[in-house]
Amino acid sequence: MKQIPLYHMAHARSGDKGDGSNVGVLAYDERGFTILQEFLTPERVKQHFAGIVRGDVERFVLPNLLGLNFLLHDSLGGSGSASLKTDAQGKTHAMALLRMTIDVPDDYAPANSAAAAPAGDL
């Protein structure tokens, strides 16, 4: 096994509604989708967002899109208009998740291994 950043295997979009956010992760290829289904569990996503997600994390599998959608409950400090957080919107959660490192088989060559890292410290 080796580790690679999630952004080499997938792209993501996120949004918010009330006090929760959702993150959709779409694999670049079918093998990557199979790996992501095994690795990206609700527990791992919640651990990655430790300190941000106070509620449950739900996962929905979208096989026709090679995608996973995660609902991060109680992740925005009360919602955009009620929170005291500087940025209480879920639009940044996709980039934060793409920074996760994923365990993949040694022979897996991601379809987008040249993808640039999301901005910020790595």
PDB file of N, CA and C in Angstrom:
ATOM      1  N   MET A   1       0.837  -1.185   0.000  1.00  0.00           N
ATOM      2  CA  MET A   1       0.000   0.000   0.000  1.00  0.00           C
ATOM      3  C   MET A   1       0.881   1.248   0.000  1.00  0.00           C
ATOM      4  N   LYS A   2       0.364   2.273  -0.632  1.00  0.00           N
ATOM      5  CA  LYS A   2       1.024   3.573  -0.630  1.00  0.00           C
ATOM      6  C   LYS A   2      -0.050   4.621  -0.351  1.00  0.00           C
ATOM      7  N   GLN A   3       0.374   5.827  -0.065  1.00  0.00           N
ATOM      8  CA  GLN A   3      -0.565   6.912   0.187  1.00  0.00           C
ATOM      9  C   GLN A   3      -0.441   7.973  -0.891  1.00  0.00           C
ATOM     10  N   ILE A   4      -1.607   8.464  -1.324  1.00  0.00           N
ATOM     11  CA  ILE A   4      -1.634   9.566  -2.280  1.00  0.00           C
ATOM     12  C   ILE A   4      -2.696  10.554  -1.817  1.00  0.00           C
ATOM     13  N   PRO A   5      -2.590  11.803  -2.216  1.00  0.00           N
ATOM     14  CA  PRO A   5      -3.630  12.766  -1.847  1.00  0.00           C
ATOM     15  C   PRO A   5      -4.914  12.482  -2.621  1.00  0.00           C
ATOM     16  N   LEU A   6      -6.030  12.680  -1.972  1.00  0.00           N
ATOM     17  CA  LEU A   6      -7.335  12.439  -2.580  1.00  0.00           C
ATOM     18  C   LEU A   6      -7.510  13.230  -3.871  1.00  0.00           C
ATOM     19  N   TYR A   7      -6.949  14.437  -3.963  1.00  0.00           N
ATOM     20  CA  TYR A   7      -7.135  15.248  -5.167  1.00  0.00           C
ATOM     21  C   TYR A   7      -6.516  14.626  -6.412  1.00  0.00           C
ATOM     22  N   HIS A   8      -5.658  13.623  -6.255  1.00  0.00           N
ATOM     23  CA  HIS A   8      -5.134  12.907  -7.418  1.00  0.00           C
ATOM     24  C   HIS A   8      -6.145  11.905  -7.946  1.00  0.00           C
ATOM     25  N   MET A   9      -7.110  11.495  -7.122  1.00  0.00           N
ATOM     26  CA  MET A   9      -8.071  10.454  -7.480  1.00  0.00           C
ATOM     27  C   MET A   9      -9.457  10.985  -7.806  1.00  0.00           C
ATOM     28  N   ALA A  10      -9.754  12.209  -7.361  1.00  0.00           N
ATOM     29  CA  ALA A  10     -11.138  12.672  -7.445  1.00  0.00           C
ATOM     30  C   ALA A  10     -11.194  14.188  -7.416  1.00  0.00           C
ATOM     31  N   HIS A  11     -12.349  14.685  -7.775  1.00  0.00           N
ATOM     32  CA  HIS A  11     -12.629  16.094  -7.551  1.00  0.00           C
ATOM     33  C   HIS A  11     -13.843  16.166  -6.640  1.00  0.00           C
ATOM     34  N   ALA A  12     -14.136  17.353  -6.110  1.00  0.00           N
ATOM     35  CA  ALA A  12     -15.207  17.461  -5.121  1.00  0.00           C
ATOM     36  C   ALA A  12     -15.893  18.820  -5.201  1.00  0.00           C
ATOM     37  N   ARG A  13     -17.130  18.842  -4.750  1.00  0.00           N
ATOM     38  CA  ARG A  13     -17.910  20.083  -4.628  1.00  0.00           C
ATOM     39  C   ARG A  13     -18.601  20.031  -3.279  1.00  0.00           C
ATOM     40  N   SER A  14     -18.834  21.178  -2.713  1.00  0.00           N
ATOM     41  CA  SER A  14     -19.523  21.198  -1.430  1.00  0.00           C
ATOM     42  C   SER A  14     -20.453  22.395  -1.342  1.00  0.00           C
ATOM     43  N   GLY A  15     -21.352  22.314  -0.399  1.00  0.00           N
ATOM     44  CA  GLY A  15     -22.304  23.385  -0.167  1.00  0.00           C
ATOM     45  C   GLY A  15     -22.851  23.292   1.241  1.00  0.00           C
ATOM     46  N   ASP A  16     -23.798  24.150   1.534  1.00  0.00           N
ATOM     47  CA  ASP A  16     -24.335  24.176   2.887  1.00  0.00           C
ATOM     48  C   ASP A  16     -25.836  24.397   2.861  1.00  0.00           C
ATOM     49  N   LYS A  17     -26.467  23.946   3.917  1.00  0.00           N
ATOM     50  CA  LYS A  17     -27.891  24.158   4.117  1.00  0.00           C
ATOM     51  C   LYS A  17     -28.118  24.139   5.611  1.00  0.00           C
ATOM     52  N   GLY A  18     -28.523  25.286   6.143  1.00  0.00           N
ATOM     53  CA  GLY A  18     -28.722  25.358   7.594  1.00  0.00           C
ATOM     54  C   GLY A  18     -27.414  25.147   8.324  1.00  0.00           C
ATOM     55  N   ASP A  19     -27.418  24.194   9.252  1.00  0.00           N
ATOM     56  CA  ASP A  19     -26.225  23.939  10.056  1.00  0.00           C
ATOM     57  C   ASP A  19     -25.419  22.745   9.560  1.00  0.00           C
ATOM     58  N   GLY A  20     -25.689  22.295   8.365  1.00  0.00           N
ATOM     59  CA  GLY A  20     -24.948  21.170   7.827  1.00  0.00           C
ATOM     60  C   GLY A  20     -24.342  21.499   6.487  1.00  0.00           C
ATOM     61  N   SER A  21     -23.351  20.725   6.123  1.00  0.00           N
ATOM     62  CA  SER A  21     -22.759  20.882   4.793  1.00  0.00           C
ATOM     63  C   SER A  21     -22.756  19.527   4.108  1.00  0.00           C
ATOM     64  N   ASN A  22     -22.630  19.553   2.812  1.00  0.00           N
ATOM     65  CA  ASN A  22     -22.481  18.303   2.079  1.00  0.00           C
ATOM     66  C   ASN A  22     -21.266  18.419   1.180  1.00  0.00           C
ATOM     67  N   VAL A  23     -20.606  17.271   1.000  1.00  0.00           N
ATOM     68  CA  VAL A  23     -19.434  17.204   0.134  1.00  0.00           C
ATOM     69  C   VAL A  23     -19.641  16.033  -0.815  1.00  0.00           C
ATOM     70  N   GLY A  24     -19.639  16.324  -2.099  1.00  0.00           N
ATOM     71  CA  GLY A  24     -19.697  15.291  -3.119  1.00  0.00           C
ATOM     72  C   GLY A  24     -18.305  15.040  -3.657  1.00  0.00           C
ATOM     73  N   VAL A  25     -17.916  13.776  -3.696  1.00  0.00           N
ATOM     74  CA  VAL A  25     -16.597  13.370  -4.182  1.00  0.00           C
ATOM     75  C   VAL A  25     -16.819  12.489  -5.403  1.00  0.00           C
ATOM     76  N   LEU A  26     -16.208  12.848  -6.528  1.00  0.00           N
ATOM     77  CA  LEU A  26     -16.371  12.110  -7.778  1.00  0.00           C
ATOM     78  C   LEU A  26     -15.017  11.584  -8.242  1.00  0.00           C
ATOM     79  N   ALA A  27     -14.915  10.267  -8.320  1.00  0.00           N
ATOM     80  CA  ALA A  27     -13.658   9.633  -8.728  1.00  0.00           C
ATOM     81  C   ALA A  27     -13.402   9.868 -10.212  1.00  0.00           C
ATOM     82  N   TYR A  28     -12.133   9.944 -10.578  1.00  0.00           N
ATOM     83  CA  TYR A  28     -11.757  10.117 -11.978  1.00  0.00           C
ATOM     84  C   TYR A  28     -11.880   8.831 -12.785  1.00  0.00           C
ATOM     85  N   ASP A  29     -11.830   7.668 -12.116  1.00  0.00           N
ATOM     86  CA  ASP A  29     -11.916   6.400 -12.836  1.00  0.00           C
ATOM     87  C   ASP A  29     -12.592   5.348 -11.954  1.00  0.00           C
ATOM     88  N   GLU A  30     -12.991   4.238 -12.570  1.00  0.00           N
ATOM     89  CA  GLU A  30     -13.746   3.203 -11.852  1.00  0.00           C
ATOM     90  C   GLU A  30     -12.931   2.538 -10.751  1.00  0.00           C
ATOM     91  N   ARG A  31     -11.668   2.302 -11.002  1.00  0.00           N
ATOM     92  CA  ARG A  31     -10.855   1.684  -9.942  1.00  0.00           C
ATOM     93  C   ARG A  31     -10.714   2.626  -8.754  1.00  0.00           C
ATOM     94  N   GLY A  32     -10.520   3.897  -9.030  1.00  0.00           N
ATOM     95  CA  GLY A  32     -10.461   4.873  -7.948  1.00  0.00           C
ATOM     96  C   GLY A  32     -11.754   4.912  -7.148  1.00  0.00           C
ATOM     97  N   PHE A  33     -12.890   4.801  -7.835  1.00  0.00           N
ATOM     98  CA  PHE A  33     -14.187   4.787  -7.157  1.00  0.00           C
ATOM     99  C   PHE A  33     -14.288   3.574  -6.222  1.00  0.00           C
ATOM    100  N   THR A  34     -13.819   2.418  -6.687  1.00  0.00           N
ATOM    101  CA  THR A  34     -13.833   1.217  -5.844  1.00  0.00           C
ATOM    102  C   THR A  34     -12.985   1.425  -4.598  1.00  0.00           C
ATOM    103  N   ILE A  35     -11.822   2.018  -4.765  1.00  0.00           N
ATOM    104  CA  ILE A  35     -10.935   2.293  -3.624  1.00  0.00           C
ATOM    105  C   ILE A  35     -11.598   3.291  -2.677  1.00  0.00           C
ATOM    106  N   LEU A  36     -12.190   4.343  -3.231  1.00  0.00           N
ATOM    107  CA  LEU A  36     -12.827   5.354  -2.389  1.00  0.00           C
ATOM    108  C   LEU A  36     -14.000   4.793  -1.601  1.00  0.00           C
ATOM    109  N   GLN A  37     -14.759   3.882  -2.206  1.00  0.00           N
ATOM    110  CA  GLN A  37     -15.879   3.278  -1.481  1.00  0.00           C
ATOM    111  C   GLN A  37     -15.399   2.541  -0.236  1.00  0.00           C
ATOM    112  N   GLU A  38     -14.230   1.931  -0.349  1.00  0.00           N
ATOM    113  CA  GLU A  38     -13.686   1.200   0.788  1.00  0.00           C
ATOM    114  C   GLU A  38     -13.055   2.140   1.819  1.00  0.00           C
ATOM    115  N   PHE A  39     -12.333   3.133   1.342  1.00  0.00           N
ATOM    116  CA  PHE A  39     -11.553   3.977   2.245  1.00  0.00           C
ATOM    117  C   PHE A  39     -12.345   5.134   2.846  1.00  0.00           C
ATOM    118  N   LEU A  40     -13.160   5.820   2.039  1.00  0.00           N
ATOM    119  CA  LEU A  40     -13.854   7.024   2.510  1.00  0.00           C
ATOM    120  C   LEU A  40     -15.137   6.651   3.239  1.00  0.00           C
ATOM    121  N   THR A  41     -14.977   6.215   4.463  1.00  0.00           N
ATOM    122  CA  THR A  41     -16.118   5.865   5.301  1.00  0.00           C
ATOM    123  C   THR A  41     -16.596   7.114   6.044  1.00  0.00           C
ATOM    124  N   PRO A  42     -17.821   7.097   6.529  1.00  0.00           N
ATOM    125  CA  PRO A  42     -18.277   8.231   7.350  1.00  0.00           C
ATOM    126  C   PRO A  42     -17.371   8.483   8.558  1.00  0.00           C
ATOM    127  N   GLU A  43     -16.850   7.416   9.142  1.00  0.00           N
ATOM    128  CA  GLU A  43     -15.977   7.562  10.310  1.00  0.00           C
ATOM    129  C   GLU A  43     -14.680   8.277   9.946  1.00  0.00           C
ATOM    130  N   ARG A  44     -14.096   7.915   8.812  1.00  0.00           N
ATOM    131  CA  ARG A  44     -12.847   8.567   8.388  1.00  0.00           C
ATOM    132  C   ARG A  44     -13.079  10.023   8.019  1.00  0.00           C
ATOM    133  N   VAL A  45     -14.196  10.300   7.365  1.00  0.00           N
ATOM    134  CA  VAL A  45     -14.495  11.691   7.008  1.00  0.00           C
ATOM    135  C   VAL A  45     -14.708  12.513   8.275  1.00  0.00           C
ATOM    136  N   LYS A  46     -15.432  11.963   9.242  1.00  0.00           N
ATOM    137  CA  LYS A  46     -15.647  12.687  10.499  1.00  0.00           C
ATOM    138  C   LYS A  46     -14.319  12.927  11.218  1.00  0.00           C
ATOM    139  N   GLN A  47     -13.449  11.923  11.207  1.00  0.00           N
ATOM    140  CA  GLN A  47     -12.126  12.083  11.832  1.00  0.00           C
ATOM    141  C   GLN A  47     -11.326  13.173  11.123  1.00  0.00           C
ATOM    142  N   HIS A  48     -11.400  13.216   9.802  1.00  0.00           N
ATOM    143  CA  HIS A  48     -10.673  14.235   9.036  1.00  0.00           C
ATOM    144  C   HIS A  48     -11.154  15.643   9.397  1.00  0.00           C
ATOM    145  N   PHE A  49     -12.444  15.768   9.679  1.00  0.00           N
ATOM    146  CA  PHE A  49     -13.029  17.058  10.042  1.00  0.00           C
ATOM    147  C   PHE A  49     -13.184  17.213  11.560  1.00  0.00           C
ATOM    148  N   ALA A  50     -12.341  16.546  12.319  1.00  0.00           N
ATOM    149  CA  ALA A  50     -12.411  16.641  13.779  1.00  0.00           C
ATOM    150  C   ALA A  50     -12.346  18.103  14.210  1.00  0.00           C
ATOM    151  N   GLY A  51     -13.202  18.485  15.119  1.00  0.00           N
ATOM    152  CA  GLY A  51     -13.252  19.866  15.579  1.00  0.00           C
ATOM    153  C   GLY A  51     -14.191  20.733  14.769  1.00  0.00           C
ATOM    154  N   ILE A  52     -14.607  20.261  13.599  1.00  0.00           N
ATOM    155  CA  ILE A  52     -15.546  21.003  12.759  1.00  0.00           C
ATOM    156  C   ILE A  52     -16.912  20.330  12.763  1.00  0.00           C
ATOM    157  N   VAL A  53     -16.913  19.022  12.544  1.00  0.00           N
ATOM    158  CA  VAL A  53     -18.174  18.276  12.485  1.00  0.00           C
ATOM    159  C   VAL A  53     -18.501  17.751  13.869  1.00  0.00           C
ATOM    160  N   ARG A  54     -19.573  18.272  14.436  1.00  0.00           N
ATOM    161  CA  ARG A  54     -19.988  17.855  15.775  1.00  0.00           C
ATOM    162  C   ARG A  54     -21.093  16.801  15.733  1.00  0.00           C
ATOM    163  N   GLY A  55     -21.763  16.665  14.613  1.00  0.00           N
ATOM    164  CA  GLY A  55     -22.834  15.681  14.467  1.00  0.00           C
ATOM    165  C   GLY A  55     -22.378  14.465  13.685  1.00  0.00           C
ATOM    166  N   ASP A  56     -23.351  13.730  13.201  1.00  0.00           N
ATOM    167  CA  ASP A  56     -23.078  12.530  12.420  1.00  0.00           C
ATOM    168  C   ASP A  56     -22.628  12.886  11.005  1.00  0.00           C
ATOM    169  N   VAL A  57     -21.982  11.937  10.368  1.00  0.00           N
ATOM    170  CA  VAL A  57     -21.654  12.024   8.955  1.00  0.00           C
ATOM    171  C   VAL A  57     -22.392  10.881   8.262  1.00  0.00           C
ATOM    172  N   GLU A  58     -23.173  11.218   7.260  1.00  0.00           N
ATOM    173  CA  GLU A  58     -23.881  10.214   6.461  1.00  0.00           C
ATOM    174  C   GLU A  58     -23.227  10.134   5.090  1.00  0.00           C
ATOM    175  N   ARG A  59     -23.209   8.920   4.522  1.00  0.00           N
ATOM    176  CA  ARG A  59     -22.633   8.727   3.196  1.00  0.00           C
ATOM    177  C   ARG A  59     -23.678   8.122   2.266  1.00  0.00           C
ATOM    178  N   PHE A  60     -23.726   8.641   1.051  1.00  0.00           N
ATOM    179  CA  PHE A  60     -24.600   8.130   0.014  1.00  0.00           C
ATOM    180  C   PHE A  60     -23.744   7.778  -1.191  1.00  0.00           C
ATOM    181  N   VAL A  61     -23.938   6.580  -1.728  1.00  0.00           N
ATOM    182  CA  VAL A  61     -23.155   6.096  -2.865  1.00  0.00           C
ATOM    183  C   VAL A  61     -23.922   6.385  -4.149  1.00  0.00           C
ATOM    184  N   LEU A  62     -23.223   6.982  -5.121  1.00  0.00           N
ATOM    185  CA  LEU A  62     -23.797   7.327  -6.418  1.00  0.00           C
ATOM    186  C   LEU A  62     -22.993   6.617  -7.510  1.00  0.00           C
ATOM    187  N   PRO A  63     -23.225   5.313  -7.697  1.00  0.00           N
ATOM    188  CA  PRO A  63     -22.372   4.541  -8.600  1.00  0.00           C
ATOM    189  C   PRO A  63     -22.404   5.016 -10.043  1.00  0.00           C
ATOM    190  N   ASN A  64     -23.532   5.518 -10.509  1.00  0.00           N
ATOM    191  CA  ASN A  64     -23.604   5.976 -11.897  1.00  0.00           C
ATOM    192  C   ASN A  64     -22.742   7.211 -12.149  1.00  0.00           C
ATOM    193  N   LEU A  65     -22.361   7.924 -11.082  1.00  0.00           N
ATOM    194  CA  LEU A  65     -21.491   9.103 -11.191  1.00  0.00           C
ATOM    195  C   LEU A  65     -20.077   8.832 -10.686  1.00  0.00           C
ATOM    196  N   LEU A  66     -19.827   7.608 -10.255  1.00  0.00           N
ATOM    197  CA  LEU A  66     -18.564   7.249  -9.579  1.00  0.00           C
ATOM    198  C   LEU A  66     -18.369   8.169  -8.377  1.00  0.00           C
ATOM    199  N   GLY A  67     -19.455   8.409  -7.655  1.00  0.00           N
ATOM    200  CA  GLY A  67     -19.412   9.402  -6.597  1.00  0.00           C
ATOM    201  C   GLY A  67     -19.899   8.939  -5.242  1.00  0.00           C
ATOM    202  N   LEU A  68     -19.471   9.684  -4.248  1.00  0.00           N
ATOM    203  CA  LEU A  68     -19.926   9.555  -2.869  1.00  0.00           C
ATOM    204  C   LEU A  68     -20.359  10.938  -2.410  1.00  0.00           C
ATOM    205  N   ASN A  69     -21.474  11.005  -1.706  1.00  0.00           N
ATOM    206  CA  ASN A  69     -21.916  12.285  -1.157  1.00  0.00           C
ATOM    207  C   ASN A  69     -21.999  12.140   0.353  1.00  0.00           C
ATOM    208  N   PHE A  70     -21.407  13.097   1.048  1.00  0.00           N
ATOM    209  CA  PHE A  70     -21.380  13.077   2.504  1.00  0.00           C
ATOM    210  C   PHE A  70     -22.174  14.257   3.050  1.00  0.00           C
ATOM    211  N   LEU A  71     -23.051  13.963   4.011  1.00  0.00           N
ATOM    212  CA  LEU A  71     -23.725  15.018   4.759  1.00  0.00           C
ATOM    213  C   LEU A  71     -23.024  15.138   6.097  1.00  0.00           C
ATOM    214  N   LEU A  72     -22.519  16.345   6.388  1.00  0.00           N
ATOM    215  CA  LEU A  72     -21.813  16.609   7.638  1.00  0.00           C
ATOM    216  C   LEU A  72     -22.745  17.424   8.529  1.00  0.00           C
ATOM    217  N   HIS A  73     -23.415  16.735   9.435  1.00  0.00           N
ATOM    218  CA  HIS A  73     -24.387  17.378  10.306  1.00  0.00           C
ATOM    219  C   HIS A  73     -23.686  18.178  11.404  1.00  0.00           C
ATOM    220  N   ASP A  74     -24.293  19.290  11.769  1.00  0.00           N
ATOM    221  CA  ASP A  74     -23.776  20.156  12.840  1.00  0.00           C
ATOM    222  C   ASP A  74     -22.307  20.508  12.574  1.00  0.00           C
ATOM    223  N   SER A  75     -22.075  21.078  11.392  1.00  0.00           N
ATOM    224  CA  SER A  75     -20.701  21.394  10.996  1.00  0.00           C
ATOM    225  C   SER A  75     -20.463  22.885  10.747  1.00  0.00           C
ATOM    226  N   LEU A  76     -21.502  23.703  10.928  1.00  0.00           N
ATOM    227  CA  LEU A  76     -21.354  25.114  10.561  1.00  0.00           C
ATOM    228  C   LEU A  76     -21.627  26.086  11.709  1.00  0.00           C
ATOM    229  N   GLY A  77     -21.653  25.591  12.912  1.00  0.00           N
ATOM    230  CA  GLY A  77     -21.804  26.475  14.065  1.00  0.00           C
ATOM    231  C   GLY A  77     -23.143  27.186  14.122  1.00  0.00           C
ATOM    232  N   GLY A  78     -24.190  26.572  13.596  1.00  0.00           N
ATOM    233  CA  GLY A  78     -25.522  27.162  13.703  1.00  0.00           C
ATOM    234  C   GLY A  78     -26.070  27.708  12.400  1.00  0.00           C
ATOM    235  N   SER A  79     -25.337  27.733  11.348  1.00  0.00           N
ATOM    236  CA  SER A  79     -25.677  28.184   9.995  1.00  0.00           C
ATOM    237  C   SER A  79     -25.021  29.523   9.710  1.00  0.00           C
ATOM    238  N   GLY A  80     -25.005  29.882   8.435  1.00  0.00           N
ATOM    239  CA  GLY A  80     -24.319  31.093   7.991  1.00  0.00           C
ATOM    240  C   GLY A  80     -24.767  32.347   8.694  1.00  0.00           C
ATOM    241  N   SER A  81     -26.049  32.488   8.932  1.00  0.00           N
ATOM    242  CA  SER A  81     -26.538  33.722   9.548  1.00  0.00           C
ATOM    243  C   SER A  81     -26.535  33.682  11.068  1.00  0.00           C
ATOM    244  N   ALA A  82     -26.420  32.496  11.669  1.00  0.00           N
ATOM    245  CA  ALA A  82     -26.483  32.389  13.124  1.00  0.00           C
ATOM    246  C   ALA A  82     -25.138  32.161  13.788  1.00  0.00           C
ATOM    247  N   SER A  83     -24.133  31.755  13.020  1.00  0.00           N
ATOM    248  CA  SER A  83     -22.850  31.364  13.582  1.00  0.00           C
ATOM    249  C   SER A  83     -21.953  32.562  13.871  1.00  0.00           C
ATOM    250  N   LEU A  84     -21.085  32.376  14.833  1.00  0.00           N
ATOM    251  CA  LEU A  84     -20.055  33.368  15.121  1.00  0.00           C
ATOM    252  C   LEU A  84     -18.745  33.048  14.393  1.00  0.00           C
ATOM    253  N   LYS A  85     -18.730  31.952  13.621  1.00  0.00           N
ATOM    254  CA  LYS A  85     -17.535  31.597  12.855  1.00  0.00           C
ATOM    255  C   LYS A  85     -17.308  32.620  11.754  1.00  0.00           C
ATOM    256  N   THR A  86     -16.042  32.821  11.397  1.00  0.00           N
ATOM    257  CA  THR A  86     -15.705  33.757  10.328  1.00  0.00           C
ATOM    258  C   THR A  86     -16.324  33.336   9.005  1.00  0.00           C
ATOM    259  N   ASP A  87     -16.248  32.038   8.684  1.00  0.00           N
ATOM    260  CA  ASP A  87     -16.823  31.534   7.441  1.00  0.00           C
ATOM    261  C   ASP A  87     -17.665  30.319   7.775  1.00  0.00           C
ATOM    262  N   ALA A  88     -18.929  30.527   8.045  1.00  0.00           N
ATOM    263  CA  ALA A  88     -19.819  29.438   8.448  1.00  0.00           C
ATOM    264  C   ALA A  88     -20.566  28.876   7.251  1.00  0.00           C
ATOM    265  N   GLN A  89     -19.882  28.696   6.161  1.00  0.00           N
ATOM    266  CA  GLN A  89     -20.480  28.102   4.979  1.00  0.00           C
ATOM    267  C   GLN A  89     -19.682  26.865   4.592  1.00  0.00           C
ATOM    268  N   GLY A  90     -20.354  25.919   3.982  1.00  0.00           N
ATOM    269  CA  GLY A  90     -19.724  24.651   3.654  1.00  0.00           C
ATOM    270  C   GLY A  90     -18.947  24.632   2.360  1.00  0.00           C
ATOM    271  N   LYS A  91     -18.860  25.773   1.681  1.00  0.00           N
ATOM    272  CA  LYS A  91     -18.218  25.779   0.360  1.00  0.00           C
ATOM    273  C   LYS A  91     -16.741  25.412   0.399  1.00  0.00           C
ATOM    274  N   THR A  92     -16.108  25.538   1.539  1.00  0.00           N
ATOM    275  CA  THR A  92     -14.682  25.215   1.648  1.00  0.00           C
ATOM    276  C   THR A  92     -14.427  23.759   2.030  1.00  0.00           C
ATOM    277  N   HIS A  93     -15.471  23.024   2.391  1.00  0.00           N
ATOM    278  CA  HIS A  93     -15.278  21.662   2.878  1.00  0.00           C
ATOM    279  C   HIS A  93     -14.791  20.703   1.795  1.00  0.00           C
ATOM    280  N   ALA A  94     -15.112  20.948   0.531  1.00  0.00           N
ATOM    281  CA  ALA A  94     -14.609  20.080  -0.539  1.00  0.00           C
ATOM    282  C   ALA A  94     -13.089  20.164  -0.617  1.00  0.00           C
ATOM    283  N   MET A  95     -12.558  21.365  -0.621  1.00  0.00           N
ATOM    284  CA  MET A  95     -11.098  21.520  -0.685  1.00  0.00           C
ATOM    285  C   MET A  95     -10.433  20.908   0.539  1.00  0.00           C
ATOM    286  N   ALA A  96     -11.058  21.056   1.687  1.00  0.00           N
ATOM    287  CA  ALA A  96     -10.483  20.468   2.898  1.00  0.00           C
ATOM    288  C   ALA A  96     -10.443  18.946   2.799  1.00  0.00           C
ATOM    289  N   LEU A  97     -11.494  18.339   2.253  1.00  0.00           N
ATOM    290  CA  LEU A  97     -11.506  16.883   2.124  1.00  0.00           C
ATOM    291  C   LEU A  97     -10.506  16.410   1.076  1.00  0.00           C
ATOM    292  N   LEU A  98     -10.343  17.144  -0.008  1.00  0.00           N
ATOM    293  CA  LEU A  98      -9.391  16.747  -1.049  1.00  0.00           C
ATOM    294  C   LEU A  98      -7.950  16.702  -0.546  1.00  0.00           C
ATOM    295  N   ARG A  99      -7.684  17.318   0.581  1.00  0.00           N
ATOM    296  CA  ARG A  99      -6.341  17.299   1.164  1.00  0.00           C
ATOM    297  C   ARG A  99      -6.062  16.023   1.954  1.00  0.00           C
ATOM    298  N   MET A 100      -7.096  15.195   2.139  1.00  0.00           N
ATOM    299  CA  MET A 100      -6.926  13.924   2.850  1.00  0.00           C
ATOM    300  C   MET A 100      -5.984  13.015   2.058  1.00  0.00           C
ATOM    301  N   THR A 101      -5.222  12.202   2.768  1.00  0.00           N
ATOM    302  CA  THR A 101      -4.352  11.216   2.146  1.00  0.00           C
ATOM    303  C   THR A 101      -5.065   9.868   2.150  1.00  0.00           C
ATOM    304  N   ILE A 102      -4.996   9.162   1.025  1.00  0.00           N
ATOM    305  CA  ILE A 102      -5.722   7.912   0.838  1.00  0.00           C
ATOM    306  C   ILE A 102      -4.736   6.753   0.669  1.00  0.00           C
ATOM    307  N   ASP A 103      -5.020   5.619   1.331  1.00  0.00           N
ATOM    308  CA  ASP A 103      -4.243   4.398   1.133  1.00  0.00           C
ATOM    309  C   ASP A 103      -4.740   3.711  -0.133  1.00  0.00           C
ATOM    310  N   VAL A 104      -3.827   3.444  -1.050  1.00  0.00           N
ATOM    311  CA  VAL A 104      -4.174   2.774  -2.305  1.00  0.00           C
ATOM    312  C   VAL A 104      -3.188   1.631  -2.552  1.00  0.00           C
ATOM    313  N   PRO A 105      -3.591   0.636  -3.353  1.00  0.00           N
ATOM    314  CA  PRO A 105      -2.648  -0.438  -3.692  1.00  0.00           C
ATOM    315  C   PRO A 105      -1.431   0.128  -4.437  1.00  0.00           C
ATOM    316  N   ASP A 106      -0.317  -0.524  -4.271  1.00  0.00           N
ATOM    317  CA  ASP A 106       0.928  -0.063  -4.895  1.00  0.00           C
ATOM    318  C   ASP A 106       0.821   0.047  -6.412  1.00  0.00           C
ATOM    319  N   ASP A 107      -0.012  -0.785  -7.035  1.00  0.00           N
ATOM    320  CA  ASP A 107      -0.109  -0.773  -8.492  1.00  0.00           C
ATOM    321  C   ASP A 107      -1.160   0.208  -9.018  1.00  0.00           C
ATOM    322  N   TYR A 108      -1.796   0.967  -8.146  1.00  0.00           N
ATOM    323  CA  TYR A 108      -2.798   1.932  -8.610  1.00  0.00           C
ATOM    324  C   TYR A 108      -2.116   3.206  -9.102  1.00  0.00           C
ATOM    325  N   ALA A 109      -2.404   3.561 -10.342  1.00  0.00           N
ATOM    326  CA  ALA A 109      -1.891   4.804 -10.928  1.00  0.00           C
ATOM    327  C   ALA A 109      -3.096   5.718 -11.153  1.00  0.00           C
ATOM    328  N   PRO A 110      -3.225   6.761 -10.349  1.00  0.00           N
ATOM    329  CA  PRO A 110      -4.394   7.634 -10.489  1.00  0.00           C
ATOM    330  C   PRO A 110      -4.453   8.317 -11.846  1.00  0.00           C
ATOM    331  N   ALA A 111      -5.663   8.513 -12.322  1.00  0.00           N
ATOM    332  CA  ALA A 111      -5.872   9.112 -13.640  1.00  0.00           C
ATOM    333  C   ALA A 111      -5.436  10.564 -13.700  1.00  0.00           C
ATOM    334  N   ASN A 112      -5.381  11.238 -12.568  1.00  0.00           N
ATOM    335  CA  ASN A 112      -5.052  12.664 -12.554  1.00  0.00           C
ATOM    336  C   ASN A 112      -3.897  12.940 -11.599  1.00  0.00           C
ATOM    337  N   SER A 113      -2.823  12.185 -11.728  1.00  0.00           N
ATOM    338  CA  SER A 113      -1.697  12.329 -10.796  1.00  0.00           C
ATOM    339  C   SER A 113      -0.965  13.656 -10.950  1.00  0.00           C
ATOM    340  N   ALA A 114      -1.253  14.406 -12.001  1.00  0.00           N
ATOM    341  CA  ALA A 114      -0.608  15.712 -12.196  1.00  0.00           C
ATOM    342  C   ALA A 114      -1.432  16.843 -11.602  1.00  0.00           C
ATOM    343  N   ALA A 115      -2.544  16.531 -10.947  1.00  0.00           N
ATOM    344  CA  ALA A 115      -3.402  17.577 -10.383  1.00  0.00           C
ATOM    345  C   ALA A 115      -2.631  18.415  -9.386  1.00  0.00           C
ATOM    346  N   ALA A 116      -2.849  19.695  -9.436  1.00  0.00           N
ATOM    347  CA  ALA A 116      -2.198  20.622  -8.503  1.00  0.00           C
ATOM    348  C   ALA A 116      -2.834  20.499  -7.127  1.00  0.00           C
ATOM    349  N   ALA A 117      -2.035  20.701  -6.109  1.00  0.00           N
ATOM    350  CA  ALA A 117      -2.541  20.651  -4.734  1.00  0.00           C
ATOM    351  C   ALA A 117      -3.477  21.813  -4.484  1.00  0.00           C
ATOM    352  N   PRO A 118      -4.519  21.585  -3.690  1.00  0.00           N
ATOM    353  CA  PRO A 118      -5.366  22.706  -3.280  1.00  0.00           C
ATOM    354  C   PRO A 118      -4.520  23.759  -2.572  1.00  0.00           C
ATOM    355  N   ALA A 119      -4.899  24.994  -2.693  1.00  0.00           N
ATOM    356  CA  ALA A 119      -4.135  26.111  -2.095  1.00  0.00           C
ATOM    357  C   ALA A 119      -4.033  25.933  -0.581  1.00  0.00           C
ATOM    358  N   GLY A 120      -2.970  26.452  -0.034  1.00  0.00           N
ATOM    359  CA  GLY A 120      -2.779  26.420   1.410  1.00  0.00           C
ATOM    360  C   GLY A 120      -1.603  25.533   1.781  1.00  0.00           C
ATOM    361  N   ASP A 121      -1.326  25.467   3.059  1.00  0.00           N
ATOM    362  CA  ASP A 121      -0.226  24.641   3.549  1.00  0.00           C
ATOM    363  C   ASP A 121      -0.576  23.180   3.399  1.00  0.00           C
ATOM    364  N   LEU A 122       0.394  22.375   3.012  1.00  0.00           N
ATOM    365  CA  LEU A 122       0.152  20.932   2.918  1.00  0.00           C
ATOM    366  C   LEU A 122       0.859  20.224   3.996  1.00  0.00           C
TER     367      LEU A 122
END
